[in-house]
Amino acid sequence: VVLLDFWATWCGPCIDEIPDLKAIHAKYSRRGFTLLGVAMDEDGKEVVGPFVKESGLPYPILLSPDGQIQGYRVRGIPTAYLIDRGGRVIKRYVGPKDRGEVERDLETLLASPS
């Protein structure tokens, strides 16, 4: 089960939800859950690397080339996709995520055998 989270270092709502994302990662990472951040910053690793280190992000961060993405409908950030074990997109979160909603969705998917 994967939460693919599109964000940027310059996005206030993205930064505001980092503590919740860290908590979700800590709570579920040992239960078959992976959180992947996709940084949409145009300046790439030059700004994202120091930010990740300073913020202590414990989950993998991928870089979007030139702040662009293909294959996912990302019109604004934060946007996240919840993907089940079969690789199917189960839910799209647009805007700041509600931690309780994400955790309820994760509990359902992690309890499911496939």
N, C-alpha and C. Protein backbone atom coordinates (compact mmCIF):
# COMPACT_ATOMS: atom_id res chain seq x y z
N VAL A 1 0.86 -1.17 0.00
CA VAL A 1 0.00 0.00 0.00
C VAL A 1 0.90 1.23 0.00
N VAL A 2 0.63 2.14 -0.92
CA VAL A 2 1.49 3.31 -1.09
C VAL A 2 0.66 4.59 -1.05
N LEU A 3 1.18 5.59 -0.37
CA LEU A 3 0.64 6.94 -0.47
C LEU A 3 1.68 7.74 -1.25
N LEU A 4 1.31 8.15 -2.45
CA LEU A 4 2.19 8.92 -3.33
C LEU A 4 1.79 10.38 -3.16
N ASP A 5 2.66 11.16 -2.51
CA ASP A 5 2.33 12.52 -2.11
C ASP A 5 3.13 13.54 -2.93
N PHE A 6 2.42 14.34 -3.71
CA PHE A 6 3.04 15.39 -4.52
C PHE A 6 3.04 16.68 -3.71
N TRP A 7 4.22 17.29 -3.56
CA TRP A 7 4.39 18.45 -2.70
C TRP A 7 5.55 19.29 -3.22
N ALA A 8 5.82 20.42 -2.54
CA ALA A 8 6.98 21.27 -2.87
C ALA A 8 7.42 22.02 -1.62
N THR A 9 8.67 22.40 -1.61
CA THR A 9 9.22 23.11 -0.45
C THR A 9 8.62 24.50 -0.28
N TRP A 10 8.09 25.07 -1.34
CA TRP A 10 7.52 26.42 -1.30
C TRP A 10 6.02 26.42 -1.00
N CYS A 11 5.43 25.26 -0.83
CA CYS A 11 3.98 25.10 -0.63
C CYS A 11 3.66 25.07 0.86
N GLY A 12 3.05 26.14 1.35
CA GLY A 12 2.71 26.23 2.77
C GLY A 12 1.87 25.08 3.29
N PRO A 13 0.74 24.73 2.63
CA PRO A 13 -0.06 23.60 3.10
C PRO A 13 0.71 22.28 3.08
N CYS A 14 1.62 22.13 2.12
CA CYS A 14 2.44 20.91 2.06
C CYS A 14 3.33 20.81 3.29
N ILE A 15 3.93 21.93 3.65
CA ILE A 15 4.83 21.96 4.81
C ILE A 15 4.03 21.73 6.09
N ASP A 16 2.84 22.32 6.16
CA ASP A 16 2.01 22.18 7.36
C ASP A 16 1.63 20.74 7.65
N GLU A 17 1.50 19.90 6.60
CA GLU A 17 1.07 18.53 6.84
C GLU A 17 2.24 17.55 7.07
N ILE A 18 3.46 18.03 7.03
CA ILE A 18 4.61 17.14 7.24
C ILE A 18 4.55 16.42 8.60
N PRO A 19 4.22 17.09 9.70
CA PRO A 19 4.15 16.32 10.97
C PRO A 19 3.15 15.17 10.91
N ASP A 20 2.00 15.37 10.28
CA ASP A 20 1.02 14.28 10.13
C ASP A 20 1.57 13.16 9.25
N LEU A 21 2.24 13.52 8.16
CA LEU A 21 2.81 12.51 7.28
C LEU A 21 3.90 11.71 7.99
N LYS A 22 4.72 12.38 8.78
CA LYS A 22 5.74 11.67 9.56
C LYS A 22 5.08 10.68 10.52
N ALA A 23 4.01 11.11 11.17
CA ALA A 23 3.31 10.24 12.12
C ALA A 23 2.67 9.05 11.41
N ILE A 24 2.05 9.29 10.26
CA ILE A 24 1.45 8.20 9.49
C ILE A 24 2.53 7.21 9.06
N HIS A 25 3.66 7.73 8.58
CA HIS A 25 4.78 6.87 8.19
C HIS A 25 5.23 6.01 9.37
N ALA A 26 5.42 6.63 10.52
CA ALA A 26 5.89 5.89 11.69
C ALA A 26 4.89 4.82 12.13
N LYS A 27 3.62 5.14 12.06
CA LYS A 27 2.58 4.23 12.55
C LYS A 27 2.37 3.03 11.62
N TYR A 28 2.48 3.22 10.32
CA TYR A 28 2.07 2.18 9.37
C TYR A 28 3.20 1.55 8.56
N SER A 29 4.41 2.08 8.62
CA SER A 29 5.48 1.59 7.74
C SER A 29 5.85 0.13 8.00
N ARG A 30 5.59 -0.36 9.18
CA ARG A 30 5.92 -1.76 9.49
C ARG A 30 4.77 -2.71 9.15
N ARG A 31 3.68 -2.15 8.63
CA ARG A 31 2.50 -2.96 8.32
C ARG A 31 2.26 -3.11 6.81
N GLY A 32 3.27 -2.85 6.01
CA GLY A 32 3.10 -3.00 4.57
C GLY A 32 2.71 -1.71 3.87
N PHE A 33 3.06 -0.58 4.48
CA PHE A 33 2.72 0.72 3.93
C PHE A 33 4.00 1.48 3.59
N THR A 34 3.99 2.16 2.45
CA THR A 34 5.10 3.02 2.04
C THR A 34 4.56 4.40 1.70
N LEU A 35 5.20 5.40 2.23
CA LEU A 35 4.90 6.79 1.88
C LEU A 35 6.02 7.27 0.97
N LEU A 36 5.67 7.75 -0.21
CA LEU A 36 6.64 8.30 -1.14
C LEU A 36 6.27 9.75 -1.42
N GLY A 37 7.20 10.64 -1.15
CA GLY A 37 7.00 12.04 -1.48
C GLY A 37 7.57 12.33 -2.85
N VAL A 38 6.86 13.12 -3.64
CA VAL A 38 7.36 13.54 -4.95
C VAL A 38 7.47 15.05 -4.92
N ALA A 39 8.70 15.54 -4.83
CA ALA A 39 8.94 16.99 -4.75
C ALA A 39 8.79 17.60 -6.14
N MET A 40 7.96 18.64 -6.23
CA MET A 40 7.65 19.28 -7.50
C MET A 40 8.47 20.55 -7.72
N ASP A 41 9.50 20.76 -6.93
CA ASP A 41 10.32 21.96 -7.04
C ASP A 41 11.10 21.99 -8.35
N GLU A 42 11.04 23.10 -9.06
CA GLU A 42 11.77 23.24 -10.32
C GLU A 42 13.28 23.20 -10.12
N ASP A 43 13.76 23.65 -8.96
CA ASP A 43 15.19 23.66 -8.69
C ASP A 43 15.72 22.31 -8.19
N GLY A 44 14.85 21.34 -8.07
CA GLY A 44 15.24 19.98 -7.76
C GLY A 44 16.05 19.80 -6.49
N LYS A 45 17.07 18.95 -6.62
CA LYS A 45 17.82 18.54 -5.43
C LYS A 45 18.54 19.68 -4.74
N GLU A 46 18.80 20.78 -5.43
CA GLU A 46 19.48 21.90 -4.78
C GLU A 46 18.67 22.50 -3.64
N VAL A 47 17.34 22.49 -3.77
CA VAL A 47 16.50 23.00 -2.67
C VAL A 47 15.86 21.87 -1.88
N VAL A 48 15.54 20.76 -2.55
CA VAL A 48 14.86 19.67 -1.87
C VAL A 48 15.79 18.94 -0.91
N GLY A 49 17.02 18.68 -1.33
CA GLY A 49 17.97 17.96 -0.47
C GLY A 49 18.16 18.61 0.88
N PRO A 50 18.52 19.89 0.92
CA PRO A 50 18.68 20.55 2.22
C PRO A 50 17.38 20.60 3.03
N PHE A 51 16.24 20.78 2.35
CA PHE A 51 14.97 20.81 3.05
C PHE A 51 14.67 19.47 3.71
N VAL A 52 14.89 18.38 2.98
CA VAL A 52 14.63 17.04 3.50
C VAL A 52 15.51 16.78 4.72
N LYS A 53 16.77 17.15 4.62
CA LYS A 53 17.69 16.94 5.73
C LYS A 53 17.28 17.77 6.95
N GLU A 54 16.99 19.05 6.73
CA GLU A 54 16.61 19.94 7.82
C GLU A 54 15.29 19.51 8.48
N SER A 55 14.35 19.02 7.67
CA SER A 55 13.04 18.62 8.18
C SER A 55 13.04 17.21 8.77
N GLY A 56 14.09 16.46 8.50
CA GLY A 56 14.17 15.09 9.02
C GLY A 56 13.10 14.18 8.44
N LEU A 57 12.84 14.32 7.16
CA LEU A 57 11.82 13.47 6.54
C LEU A 57 12.31 12.03 6.53
N PRO A 58 11.55 11.11 7.14
CA PRO A 58 12.00 9.72 7.27
C PRO A 58 11.60 8.81 6.12
N TYR A 59 10.89 9.34 5.14
CA TYR A 59 10.42 8.52 4.02
C TYR A 59 11.09 8.99 2.73
N PRO A 60 11.11 8.13 1.71
CA PRO A 60 11.80 8.48 0.46
C PRO A 60 11.14 9.67 -0.24
N ILE A 61 11.99 10.51 -0.81
CA ILE A 61 11.54 11.66 -1.58
C ILE A 61 12.09 11.52 -3.01
N LEU A 62 11.19 11.54 -3.96
CA LEU A 62 11.55 11.49 -5.37
C LEU A 62 11.51 12.91 -5.91
N LEU A 63 12.26 13.16 -6.95
CA LEU A 63 12.28 14.48 -7.57
C LEU A 63 11.55 14.44 -8.90
N SER A 64 10.66 15.38 -9.10
CA SER A 64 9.97 15.51 -10.37
C SER A 64 10.84 16.37 -11.29
N PRO A 65 11.19 15.86 -12.46
CA PRO A 65 12.03 16.64 -13.37
C PRO A 65 11.36 17.96 -13.75
N ASP A 66 12.02 19.05 -13.49
CA ASP A 66 11.53 20.39 -13.84
C ASP A 66 10.17 20.70 -13.23
N GLY A 67 9.82 20.06 -12.14
CA GLY A 67 8.54 20.33 -11.49
C GLY A 67 7.35 19.82 -12.27
N GLN A 68 7.56 18.92 -13.21
CA GLN A 68 6.49 18.37 -14.04
C GLN A 68 6.26 16.91 -13.68
N ILE A 69 5.05 16.44 -13.96
CA ILE A 69 4.74 15.04 -13.70
C ILE A 69 3.82 14.53 -14.81
N GLN A 70 4.00 13.28 -15.19
CA GLN A 70 3.13 12.67 -16.19
C GLN A 70 2.52 11.42 -15.60
N GLY A 71 1.30 11.13 -16.02
CA GLY A 71 0.65 9.91 -15.57
C GLY A 71 -0.28 10.10 -14.40
N TYR A 72 -0.19 11.20 -13.71
CA TYR A 72 -1.08 11.50 -12.59
C TYR A 72 -1.67 12.88 -12.81
N ARG A 73 -2.91 13.04 -12.45
CA ARG A 73 -3.57 14.34 -12.54
C ARG A 73 -3.19 15.18 -11.33
N VAL A 74 -2.21 16.01 -11.49
CA VAL A 74 -1.78 16.90 -10.41
C VAL A 74 -1.91 18.32 -10.93
N ARG A 75 -2.99 18.96 -10.54
CA ARG A 75 -3.24 20.33 -10.98
C ARG A 75 -2.85 21.35 -9.93
N GLY A 76 -2.71 20.88 -8.72
CA GLY A 76 -2.29 21.72 -7.61
C GLY A 76 -1.71 20.83 -6.53
N ILE A 77 -0.99 21.44 -5.63
CA ILE A 77 -0.40 20.65 -4.55
C ILE A 77 -0.79 21.26 -3.22
N PRO A 78 -0.87 20.44 -2.20
CA PRO A 78 -0.59 19.00 -2.20
C PRO A 78 -1.70 18.20 -2.89
N THR A 79 -1.28 17.16 -3.54
CA THR A 79 -2.17 16.14 -4.09
C THR A 79 -1.52 14.80 -3.78
N ALA A 80 -2.33 13.83 -3.38
CA ALA A 80 -1.78 12.51 -3.05
C ALA A 80 -2.69 11.43 -3.61
N TYR A 81 -2.09 10.29 -3.90
CA TYR A 81 -2.81 9.12 -4.39
C TYR A 81 -2.55 7.95 -3.45
N LEU A 82 -3.62 7.28 -3.05
CA LEU A 82 -3.51 6.07 -2.26
C LEU A 82 -3.63 4.89 -3.20
N ILE A 83 -2.63 4.02 -3.20
CA ILE A 83 -2.52 2.92 -4.15
C ILE A 83 -2.52 1.61 -3.38
N ASP A 84 -3.36 0.67 -3.80
CA ASP A 84 -3.46 -0.60 -3.09
C ASP A 84 -2.34 -1.56 -3.48
N ARG A 85 -2.36 -2.73 -2.88
CA ARG A 85 -1.30 -3.73 -3.12
C ARG A 85 -1.24 -4.21 -4.57
N GLY A 86 -2.36 -4.08 -5.28
CA GLY A 86 -2.41 -4.48 -6.68
C GLY A 86 -2.00 -3.38 -7.64
N GLY A 87 -1.60 -2.22 -7.09
CA GLY A 87 -1.17 -1.11 -7.93
C GLY A 87 -2.31 -0.24 -8.44
N ARG A 88 -3.51 -0.44 -7.90
CA ARG A 88 -4.67 0.34 -8.31
C ARG A 88 -4.80 1.60 -7.45
N VAL A 89 -5.07 2.71 -8.10
CA VAL A 89 -5.34 3.95 -7.36
C VAL A 89 -6.72 3.80 -6.72
N ILE A 90 -6.74 3.92 -5.41
CA ILE A 90 -7.98 3.75 -4.65
C ILE A 90 -8.60 5.11 -4.34
N LYS A 91 -7.76 6.10 -4.10
CA LYS A 91 -8.29 7.40 -3.70
C LYS A 91 -7.30 8.50 -4.08
N ARG A 92 -7.84 9.66 -4.39
CA ARG A 92 -7.02 10.85 -4.64
C ARG A 92 -7.42 11.89 -3.61
N TYR A 93 -6.42 12.45 -2.95
CA TYR A 93 -6.62 13.52 -1.98
C TYR A 93 -6.13 14.81 -2.64
N VAL A 94 -6.99 15.79 -2.76
CA VAL A 94 -6.63 17.07 -3.35
C VAL A 94 -6.64 18.11 -2.24
N GLY A 95 -5.54 18.82 -2.11
CA GLY A 95 -5.42 19.80 -1.03
C GLY A 95 -4.89 19.13 0.23
N PRO A 96 -4.86 19.88 1.32
CA PRO A 96 -4.35 19.32 2.57
C PRO A 96 -5.15 18.07 2.98
N LYS A 97 -4.42 17.05 3.40
CA LYS A 97 -5.04 15.79 3.79
C LYS A 97 -5.48 15.83 5.24
N ASP A 98 -6.62 15.20 5.52
CA ASP A 98 -7.08 15.01 6.89
C ASP A 98 -6.45 13.71 7.40
N ARG A 99 -5.65 13.83 8.45
CA ARG A 99 -4.92 12.66 8.96
C ARG A 99 -5.87 11.52 9.32
N GLY A 100 -6.98 11.84 9.97
CA GLY A 100 -7.93 10.80 10.36
C GLY A 100 -8.49 10.06 9.15
N GLU A 101 -8.81 10.79 8.10
CA GLU A 101 -9.33 10.17 6.88
C GLU A 101 -8.29 9.26 6.25
N VAL A 102 -7.06 9.74 6.16
CA VAL A 102 -5.98 8.92 5.58
C VAL A 102 -5.79 7.65 6.40
N GLU A 103 -5.79 7.79 7.72
CA GLU A 103 -5.59 6.61 8.57
C GLU A 103 -6.74 5.63 8.45
N ARG A 104 -7.97 6.10 8.35
CA ARG A 104 -9.10 5.20 8.15
C ARG A 104 -8.96 4.45 6.82
N ASP A 105 -8.58 5.18 5.78
CA ASP A 105 -8.39 4.56 4.47
C ASP A 105 -7.27 3.52 4.52
N LEU A 106 -6.18 3.85 5.21
CA LEU A 106 -5.06 2.91 5.34
C LEU A 106 -5.47 1.66 6.12
N GLU A 107 -6.18 1.85 7.21
CA GLU A 107 -6.62 0.70 8.01
C GLU A 107 -7.43 -0.26 7.15
N THR A 108 -8.32 0.28 6.33
CA THR A 108 -9.15 -0.56 5.46
C THR A 108 -8.28 -1.32 4.47
N LEU A 109 -7.36 -0.63 3.80
CA LEU A 109 -6.51 -1.30 2.81
C LEU A 109 -5.55 -2.30 3.44
N LEU A 110 -4.97 -1.95 4.58
CA LEU A 110 -4.00 -2.85 5.21
C LEU A 110 -4.68 -4.09 5.79
N ALA A 111 -5.95 -3.99 6.11
CA ALA A 111 -6.69 -5.16 6.63
C ALA A 111 -7.13 -6.08 5.51
N SER A 112 -7.15 -5.56 4.28
CA SER A 112 -7.59 -6.34 3.12
C SER A 112 -6.45 -7.26 2.65
N PRO A 113 -6.77 -8.52 2.32
CA PRO A 113 -5.72 -9.45 1.89
C PRO A 113 -5.10 -9.09 0.53
N SER A 114 -5.82 -8.36 -0.31
CA SER A 114 -5.23 -7.98 -1.60
C SER A 114 -5.77 -6.65 -2.08
